[in-house]
Amino acid sequence: MVNVEQNGESQARGKLKAARRIVIKLGTSTVTDVKGGVCLERVAPITEEIAQLLSAGRQVLLVSSGAVGLGRSLLGLHASRLKDMAVKQACAAAGQSLLMESYKKLFDALGQKVAQVLLTEEDFSNWERYSNLRRTMEKLLGFGVLPIVNENDTVSTAELETVSGRRQAAFSDNDRLAALVMSGMEADALVLLTNVEGFLRKKGGGKQAELETFVERVTPEIRAEAAGPSQNGRGGMSTKIEAAEIAMNCGGVALIAHGAGATTLQSAFAGERVGTVFAPATRMRGKRRWLAYAAGVRGRVVVDAGAQRAITAGKASLLNSGVVRVEREFGAMDVVSIRDLEGREFARGIAAYASEERSSDEKKAAARVWFTRENIVVLELAG
């Protein structure tokens, strides 16, 4: 059993070593110091390592947090002021320029060109914009430019705002944003640099947490142990585990590692045993990945058992007759969550008709929904 696990970790680290296109995410705790400025002691070595990866022929996309914290420090505001959404957005606007200025200086000294890419939820939830984003990114990479990505917090509240602690958008933190960039760009690897060595897990009932160097599958137990926010950032280990799982389902390898090490990236891409590596799973196709992870879900329908079987086991589309009720209205071409009679989501699809277009059968009063088989993504089989 141990040999099998060691072999799985060896294969995962081998894939990381061979990765050509990489998404690297730096968290707030890595980017900023205790005074609220850019921590050059940590960031400068990382930029040097990224430049080395680029010189070696790899392609890198950098997702960086830190704008809100930098802006708050610049404006001299107490952390309590960030409870106001407009203040957060003002801090993001002020801090983003400082963040990019720091990166530009560091990469200019290394002879590397950079480009700022600010994204909103609509860049992911709309298929056309999602496709255009990929084309733009491909051009930047083709020109040898390093894209530096962040959410456009000045106009978007998807990352800044949560309701009852639950995500309300395609992405609500930069860990997930990095995973969606990795998915959209079909990258080989996702690296999340943070303020801990990796995924720390309690073993044998002890209180002391130990580094889990390899994760083959994300289980409910792993999710439970990863709960809890980070000290300075908006995310935490739970969001990193979720991002790693997205990367795994995109057929890529993920790594969570400490961002303070001067040679973390160099060691990781040399195949050395650093951080926690996550094994890749079967890759979803492009549009299926988009529906499963990036698409903004507009509507929600509950279907009967027959329709559920037809979707999960057969090759049928979802027709009006299989819809029990519409729980959230939607328009034509909107992404709709398909749920079983217990309310569990098991698939998603793109509606061919708006929910207000009623059936002639008034007794059913169900929406005229129609999903082609290729647009239905089976997320989880009930039971």
Protein backbone atom coordinates (compact mmCIF):
# COMPACT_ATOMS: atom_id res chain seq x y z
CA MET A 1 0.00 0.00 0.00
CA VAL A 2 2.82 2.35 0.90
CA ASN A 3 4.65 1.48 -2.29
CA VAL A 4 1.53 2.22 -4.34
CA GLU A 5 1.16 5.61 -2.66
CA GLN A 6 4.83 6.42 -3.10
CA ASN A 7 4.59 5.44 -6.75
CA GLY A 8 1.55 7.72 -7.18
CA GLU A 9 3.39 10.63 -5.60
CA SER A 10 6.44 9.96 -7.75
CA GLN A 11 4.31 10.02 -10.89
CA ALA A 12 2.56 13.25 -9.81
CA ARG A 13 5.86 14.97 -9.08
CA GLY A 14 7.18 13.70 -12.39
CA LYS A 15 4.26 15.40 -14.16
CA LEU A 16 5.00 18.58 -12.24
CA LYS A 17 8.63 18.40 -13.34
CA ALA A 18 7.56 17.98 -16.97
CA ALA A 19 4.88 20.72 -16.89
CA ARG A 20 5.23 23.22 -19.71
CA ARG A 21 2.37 25.62 -18.97
CA ILE A 22 2.03 26.63 -15.32
CA VAL A 23 -0.30 28.82 -13.28
CA ILE A 24 1.30 30.18 -10.10
CA LYS A 25 -0.79 31.89 -7.43
CA LEU A 26 0.64 34.10 -4.66
CA GLY A 27 -1.54 34.71 -1.63
CA THR A 28 -1.82 37.93 0.36
CA SER A 29 0.27 36.44 3.18
CA THR A 30 3.09 35.86 0.70
CA VAL A 31 2.87 39.17 -1.17
CA THR A 32 2.50 41.61 1.75
CA ASP A 33 4.48 42.25 4.93
CA VAL A 34 3.26 43.11 8.42
CA LYS A 35 3.23 46.83 7.58
CA GLY A 36 0.97 46.32 4.58
CA GLY A 37 3.58 46.84 1.87
CA VAL A 38 4.99 44.44 -0.71
CA CYS A 39 7.28 41.94 1.03
CA LEU A 40 10.29 42.08 -1.30
CA GLU A 41 12.09 39.52 0.86
CA ARG A 42 9.57 36.89 -0.26
CA VAL A 43 8.39 38.23 -3.63
CA ALA A 44 11.78 39.04 -5.20
CA PRO A 45 13.10 35.44 -5.04
CA ILE A 46 9.80 34.18 -6.48
CA THR A 47 10.04 36.55 -9.44
CA GLU A 48 13.59 35.35 -10.06
CA GLU A 49 12.43 31.74 -10.04
CA ILE A 50 9.58 32.57 -12.43
CA ALA A 51 12.06 34.24 -14.77
CA GLN A 52 14.19 31.08 -14.66
CA LEU A 53 11.15 28.95 -15.54
CA LEU A 54 10.43 31.22 -18.51
CA SER A 55 14.06 31.09 -19.64
CA ALA A 56 13.85 27.29 -19.55
CA GLY A 57 11.06 27.38 -22.14
CA ARG A 58 8.06 27.04 -19.84
CA GLN A 59 5.01 29.30 -19.98
CA VAL A 60 3.82 30.92 -16.76
CA LEU A 61 0.68 32.80 -15.75
CA LEU A 62 0.87 34.56 -12.39
CA VAL A 63 -2.24 35.13 -10.25
CA SER A 64 -1.51 37.55 -7.43
CA SER A 65 -3.47 38.72 -4.41
CA GLY A 66 -2.54 41.72 -2.28
CA ALA A 67 -4.20 44.75 -3.90
CA VAL A 68 -6.74 45.42 -1.13
CA GLY A 69 -4.13 45.13 1.62
CA LEU A 70 -1.69 47.41 -0.19
CA GLY A 71 -4.43 49.97 -0.82
CA ARG A 72 -5.55 49.92 2.82
CA SER A 73 -1.99 50.60 3.93
CA LEU A 74 -1.56 53.42 1.40
CA LEU A 75 -4.80 55.09 2.49
CA GLY A 76 -3.97 54.63 6.17
CA LEU A 77 -7.19 52.80 7.00
CA HIS A 78 -7.88 50.44 9.87
CA ALA A 79 -8.86 46.87 8.98
CA SER A 80 -12.35 47.46 10.39
CA ARG A 81 -13.03 49.91 7.54
CA LEU A 82 -12.93 47.02 5.07
CA LYS A 83 -16.39 45.92 6.19
CA ASP A 84 -17.71 48.61 3.85
CA MET A 85 -17.80 47.35 0.24
CA ALA A 86 -17.07 50.75 -1.32
CA VAL A 87 -14.03 51.16 0.93
CA LYS A 88 -12.77 47.72 -0.10
CA GLN A 89 -13.14 48.63 -3.75
CA ALA A 90 -11.36 51.94 -3.22
CA CYS A 91 -8.51 50.08 -1.51
CA ALA A 92 -8.37 47.64 -4.44
CA ALA A 93 -8.14 50.52 -6.92
CA ALA A 94 -5.33 52.19 -4.99
CA GLY A 95 -3.48 48.98 -4.23
CA GLN A 96 -3.62 47.38 -7.68
CA SER A 97 -1.38 50.06 -9.19
CA LEU A 98 1.13 49.57 -6.35
CA LEU A 99 1.06 45.82 -6.87
CA MET A 100 1.73 46.10 -10.60
CA GLU A 101 4.38 48.77 -10.10
CA SER A 102 6.28 46.43 -7.78
CA TYR A 103 6.02 43.50 -10.18
CA LYS A 104 7.06 45.64 -13.14
CA LYS A 105 10.20 46.85 -11.36
CA LEU A 106 11.16 43.35 -10.30
CA PHE A 107 10.58 41.77 -13.70
CA ASP A 108 12.12 44.69 -15.63
CA ALA A 109 15.36 44.04 -13.73
CA LEU A 110 15.17 40.45 -14.98
CA GLY A 111 14.42 41.43 -18.58
CA GLN A 112 10.89 40.02 -18.47
CA LYS A 113 7.85 41.83 -19.92
CA VAL A 114 4.60 41.70 -17.96
CA ALA A 115 0.95 42.48 -18.66
CA GLN A 116 -1.87 43.24 -16.23
CA VAL A 117 -5.04 41.17 -16.67
CA LEU A 118 -7.99 42.16 -14.47
CA LEU A 119 -10.99 39.83 -14.59
CA THR A 120 -14.61 39.83 -13.46
CA GLU A 121 -17.00 36.92 -13.00
CA GLU A 122 -18.57 37.59 -16.42
CA ASP A 123 -15.24 36.79 -18.09
CA PHE A 124 -15.80 33.22 -16.92
CA SER A 125 -19.58 32.84 -16.75
CA ASN A 126 -20.13 33.94 -20.37
CA TRP A 127 -18.81 31.37 -22.86
CA GLU A 128 -18.03 33.96 -25.55
CA ARG A 129 -16.02 36.15 -23.15
CA TYR A 130 -14.37 33.06 -21.70
CA SER A 131 -13.22 32.02 -25.18
CA ASN A 132 -12.01 35.56 -25.96
CA LEU A 133 -10.05 35.63 -22.70
CA ARG A 134 -8.23 32.48 -23.71
CA ARG A 135 -7.34 33.93 -27.13
CA THR A 136 -5.93 37.06 -25.49
CA MET A 137 -3.90 35.06 -23.00
CA GLU A 138 -2.54 32.84 -25.76
CA LYS A 139 -1.34 35.94 -27.64
CA LEU A 140 0.41 37.28 -24.54
CA LEU A 141 2.15 33.96 -23.96
CA GLY A 142 3.07 33.80 -27.62
CA PHE A 143 4.72 37.22 -27.34
CA GLY A 144 6.75 35.98 -24.38
CA VAL A 145 4.84 38.17 -21.93
CA LEU A 146 4.02 37.14 -18.35
CA PRO A 147 0.31 37.77 -17.62
CA ILE A 148 -0.26 38.93 -14.03
CA VAL A 149 -3.87 38.20 -13.15
CA ASN A 150 -6.17 39.49 -10.42
CA GLU A 151 -9.88 40.04 -10.01
CA ASN A 152 -11.02 43.53 -10.95
CA ASP A 153 -12.19 44.27 -7.41
CA THR A 154 -12.81 47.93 -8.29
CA VAL A 155 -15.93 47.00 -10.29
CA SER A 156 -16.60 43.39 -9.24
CA THR A 157 -17.72 42.20 -5.82
CA ALA A 158 -17.57 38.47 -6.57
CA GLU A 159 -14.40 37.96 -4.55
CA LEU A 160 -14.98 40.68 -1.95
CA GLU A 161 -18.51 39.71 -0.97
CA THR A 162 -19.91 36.50 0.48
CA VAL A 163 -23.34 35.68 1.84
CA SER A 164 -23.47 33.53 4.98
CA GLY A 165 -19.94 32.40 4.18
CA ARG A 166 -20.98 30.69 0.94
CA ARG A 167 -19.70 31.57 -2.50
CA GLN A 168 -22.20 33.37 -4.69
CA ALA A 169 -20.18 33.62 -7.89
CA ALA A 170 -17.99 31.66 -10.33
CA PHE A 171 -15.03 32.65 -8.18
CA SER A 172 -14.89 34.26 -4.76
CA ASP A 173 -11.17 34.04 -4.04
CA ASN A 174 -7.93 34.03 -5.98
CA ASP A 175 -7.33 30.33 -5.31
CA ARG A 176 -10.39 29.45 -7.34
CA LEU A 177 -9.59 32.18 -9.87
CA ALA A 178 -6.17 30.60 -10.39
CA ALA A 179 -7.79 27.18 -10.86
CA LEU A 180 -10.22 28.61 -13.45
CA VAL A 181 -7.34 30.28 -15.31
CA MET A 182 -5.54 26.94 -15.22
CA SER A 183 -8.64 25.21 -16.60
CA GLY A 184 -9.32 27.80 -19.30
CA MET A 185 -5.71 27.83 -20.48
CA GLU A 186 -5.40 24.03 -20.24
CA ALA A 187 -2.27 24.42 -18.13
CA ASP A 188 -0.35 21.39 -16.94
CA ALA A 189 0.15 22.54 -13.36
CA LEU A 190 -1.30 24.81 -10.68
CA VAL A 191 1.01 26.02 -7.91
CA LEU A 192 -0.47 27.74 -4.85
CA LEU A 193 2.15 29.49 -2.71
CA THR A 194 1.00 30.30 0.80
CA ASN A 195 2.28 30.79 4.38
CA VAL A 196 2.39 27.09 5.35
CA GLU A 197 4.38 24.11 4.05
CA GLY A 198 1.36 22.53 2.37
CA PHE A 199 -1.72 20.65 3.50
CA LEU A 200 -1.18 19.89 7.19
CA ARG A 201 -3.19 16.98 8.52
CA LYS A 202 -3.65 15.48 11.99
CA LYS A 203 -2.76 11.80 12.04
CA GLY A 204 -3.37 9.03 14.51
CA GLY A 205 -5.67 11.14 16.67
CA GLY A 206 -2.81 13.43 17.70
CA LYS A 207 -3.04 17.20 18.07
CA GLN A 208 0.12 17.87 16.06
CA ALA A 209 -0.52 18.36 12.34
CA GLU A 210 1.86 16.73 9.86
CA LEU A 211 2.53 17.63 6.25
CA GLU A 212 0.59 15.46 3.80
CA THR A 213 2.99 15.24 0.88
CA PHE A 214 0.59 13.52 -1.54
CA VAL A 215 -3.16 13.58 -2.16
CA GLU A 216 -4.58 11.15 -4.69
CA ARG A 217 -8.23 12.07 -4.14
CA VAL A 218 -9.95 14.87 -2.24
CA THR A 219 -12.21 13.21 0.32
CA PRO A 220 -14.82 14.71 2.70
CA GLU A 221 -12.33 14.10 5.53
CA ILE A 222 -9.70 16.20 3.77
CA ARG A 223 -12.21 19.00 3.18
CA ALA A 224 -13.20 18.94 6.87
CA GLU A 225 -9.60 19.18 8.04
CA ALA A 226 -8.88 22.03 5.62
CA ALA A 227 -11.65 24.24 7.03
CA GLY A 228 -10.74 27.67 8.38
CA PRO A 229 -9.57 31.00 6.87
CA SER A 230 -6.00 32.22 6.61
CA GLN A 231 -4.76 34.97 8.88
CA ASN A 232 -4.47 37.77 6.33
CA GLY A 233 -6.13 36.59 3.13
CA ARG A 234 -9.79 36.02 2.32
CA GLY A 235 -9.27 32.39 1.51
CA GLY A 236 -7.66 29.60 3.49
CA MET A 237 -6.67 25.97 3.10
CA SER A 238 -10.23 24.96 2.20
CA THR A 239 -10.19 27.19 -0.90
CA LYS A 240 -6.78 25.82 -1.87
CA ILE A 241 -8.05 22.24 -1.59
CA GLU A 242 -11.03 23.21 -3.77
CA ALA A 243 -8.71 24.81 -6.32
CA ALA A 244 -6.45 21.76 -6.31
CA GLU A 245 -9.46 19.51 -6.94
CA ILE A 246 -10.46 21.61 -9.95
CA ALA A 247 -6.91 21.28 -11.29
CA MET A 248 -7.03 17.51 -10.76
CA ASN A 249 -10.31 17.22 -12.67
CA CYS A 250 -8.80 19.27 -15.48
CA GLY A 251 -6.15 16.58 -15.87
CA GLY A 252 -3.43 18.70 -14.28
CA VAL A 253 -1.24 18.39 -11.23
CA ALA A 254 -1.52 20.82 -8.29
CA LEU A 255 0.94 21.84 -5.60
CA ILE A 256 0.44 23.71 -2.34
CA ALA A 257 3.74 24.93 -0.90
CA HIS A 258 5.35 27.60 1.28
CA GLY A 259 5.92 30.92 -0.47
CA ALA A 260 8.79 32.00 1.79
CA GLY A 261 11.31 29.50 0.50
CA ALA A 262 13.87 31.05 -1.84
CA THR A 263 14.05 27.88 -3.96
CA THR A 264 10.52 26.45 -3.62
CA LEU A 265 9.67 26.66 -7.32
CA GLN A 266 13.10 25.52 -8.43
CA SER A 267 12.87 22.47 -6.17
CA ALA A 268 9.29 21.67 -7.14
CA PHE A 269 9.98 21.73 -10.87
CA ALA A 270 13.12 19.69 -10.38
CA GLY A 271 10.89 16.92 -9.04
CA GLU A 272 11.98 17.31 -5.42
CA ARG A 273 9.66 16.54 -2.50
CA VAL A 274 8.32 19.95 -1.43
CA GLY A 275 4.81 20.86 -0.33
CA THR A 276 1.70 18.79 -1.04
CA VAL A 277 1.24 17.45 -4.55
CA PHE A 278 -2.19 16.45 -5.91
CA ALA A 279 -2.46 13.72 -8.53
CA PRO A 280 -4.18 14.51 -11.83
CA ALA A 281 -7.45 12.77 -12.69
CA THR A 282 -9.21 12.24 -16.02
CA ARG A 283 -9.36 15.51 -17.96
CA MET A 284 -12.82 16.93 -18.72
CA ARG A 285 -13.34 18.37 -22.18
CA GLY A 286 -13.20 22.15 -22.58
CA LYS A 287 -16.88 23.08 -22.55
CA ARG A 288 -17.68 20.46 -19.94
CA ARG A 289 -15.04 22.00 -17.66
CA TRP A 290 -16.53 25.43 -18.26
CA LEU A 291 -20.03 24.24 -17.36
CA ALA A 292 -18.83 22.41 -14.28
CA TYR A 293 -16.61 25.11 -12.80
CA ALA A 294 -16.61 28.48 -14.54
CA ALA A 295 -20.14 29.00 -15.81
CA GLY A 296 -22.43 31.24 -13.77
CA VAL A 297 -25.52 29.21 -12.88
CA ARG A 298 -28.67 31.24 -13.57
CA GLY A 299 -31.53 28.79 -13.20
CA ARG A 300 -32.44 25.71 -11.24
CA VAL A 301 -34.81 22.87 -12.09
CA VAL A 302 -35.84 19.71 -10.27
CA VAL A 303 -36.37 16.61 -12.41
CA ASP A 304 -38.00 13.25 -11.79
CA ALA A 305 -36.18 9.95 -11.38
CA GLY A 306 -36.76 8.95 -14.99
CA ALA A 307 -35.17 12.12 -16.33
CA GLN A 308 -32.24 11.70 -13.94
CA ARG A 309 -31.62 8.16 -15.20
CA ALA A 310 -31.86 9.32 -18.80
CA ILE A 311 -29.22 11.99 -18.20
CA THR A 312 -26.79 9.99 -16.07
CA ALA A 313 -27.09 6.55 -17.62
CA GLY A 314 -28.41 7.17 -21.11
CA LYS A 315 -27.83 9.57 -23.97
CA ALA A 316 -31.08 11.46 -23.72
CA SER A 317 -31.58 15.20 -23.49
CA LEU A 318 -33.70 16.74 -20.74
CA LEU A 319 -37.18 17.45 -22.05
CA ASN A 320 -40.13 19.33 -20.60
CA SER A 321 -41.85 16.15 -19.47
CA GLY A 322 -39.05 15.31 -17.04
CA VAL A 323 -39.16 18.63 -15.19
CA VAL A 324 -40.98 18.53 -11.84
CA ARG A 325 -40.60 22.24 -11.04
CA VAL A 326 -38.56 25.34 -11.73
CA GLU A 327 -36.97 26.73 -8.58
CA ARG A 328 -35.10 29.63 -10.17
CA GLU A 329 -36.10 31.36 -13.40
CA PHE A 330 -33.72 31.51 -16.37
CA GLY A 331 -33.45 32.72 -19.94
CA ALA A 332 -32.61 31.00 -23.19
CA MET A 333 -28.94 29.90 -23.32
CA ASP A 334 -28.53 30.37 -19.56
CA VAL A 335 -26.68 27.72 -17.57
CA VAL A 336 -29.11 25.78 -15.39
CA SER A 337 -28.48 23.55 -12.39
CA ILE A 338 -30.30 20.20 -12.70
CA ARG A 339 -31.28 18.64 -9.37
CA ASP A 340 -32.85 15.40 -8.21
CA LEU A 341 -35.98 15.12 -6.06
CA GLU A 342 -33.84 15.50 -2.92
CA GLY A 343 -32.49 18.83 -4.17
CA ARG A 344 -28.97 17.55 -4.97
CA GLU A 345 -27.29 18.92 -8.09
CA PHE A 346 -26.12 16.13 -10.37
CA ALA A 347 -25.82 17.88 -13.73
CA ARG A 348 -25.76 21.23 -15.51
CA GLY A 349 -26.91 22.24 -18.96
CA ILE A 350 -27.64 25.16 -21.28
CA ALA A 351 -31.36 25.88 -21.67
CA ALA A 352 -32.72 26.22 -25.18
CA TYR A 353 -35.82 28.08 -23.94
CA ALA A 354 -36.53 30.66 -21.25
CA SER A 355 -38.36 29.41 -18.16
CA GLU A 356 -41.32 31.75 -18.73
CA GLU A 357 -42.16 29.97 -22.00
CA ARG A 358 -44.76 27.64 -20.49
CA SER A 359 -45.86 24.30 -21.75
CA SER A 360 -49.33 23.90 -23.23
CA ASP A 361 -49.99 21.39 -20.47
CA GLU A 362 -51.12 23.74 -17.70
CA LYS A 363 -51.21 20.93 -15.14
CA LYS A 364 -47.47 20.55 -15.27
CA ALA A 365 -46.79 24.28 -15.61
CA ALA A 366 -43.17 23.38 -16.16
CA ALA A 367 -40.63 25.37 -18.13
CA ARG A 368 -39.88 24.42 -21.70
CA VAL A 369 -36.31 23.33 -21.16
CA TRP A 370 -34.25 21.37 -23.59
CA PHE A 371 -30.62 20.39 -23.15
CA THR A 372 -28.54 18.66 -25.76
CA ARG A 373 -26.59 15.73 -24.39
CA GLU A 374 -23.20 17.34 -25.10
CA ASN A 375 -24.13 20.34 -22.94
CA ILE A 376 -25.15 18.27 -19.91
CA VAL A 377 -22.35 17.76 -17.43
CA VAL A 378 -22.95 14.97 -14.94
CA LEU A 379 -21.33 16.26 -11.75
CA GLU A 380 -22.16 13.51 -9.29
CA LEU A 381 -24.26 10.41 -9.42
CA ALA A 382 -26.77 10.32 -6.59
CA GLY A 383 -26.17 7.48 -4.15
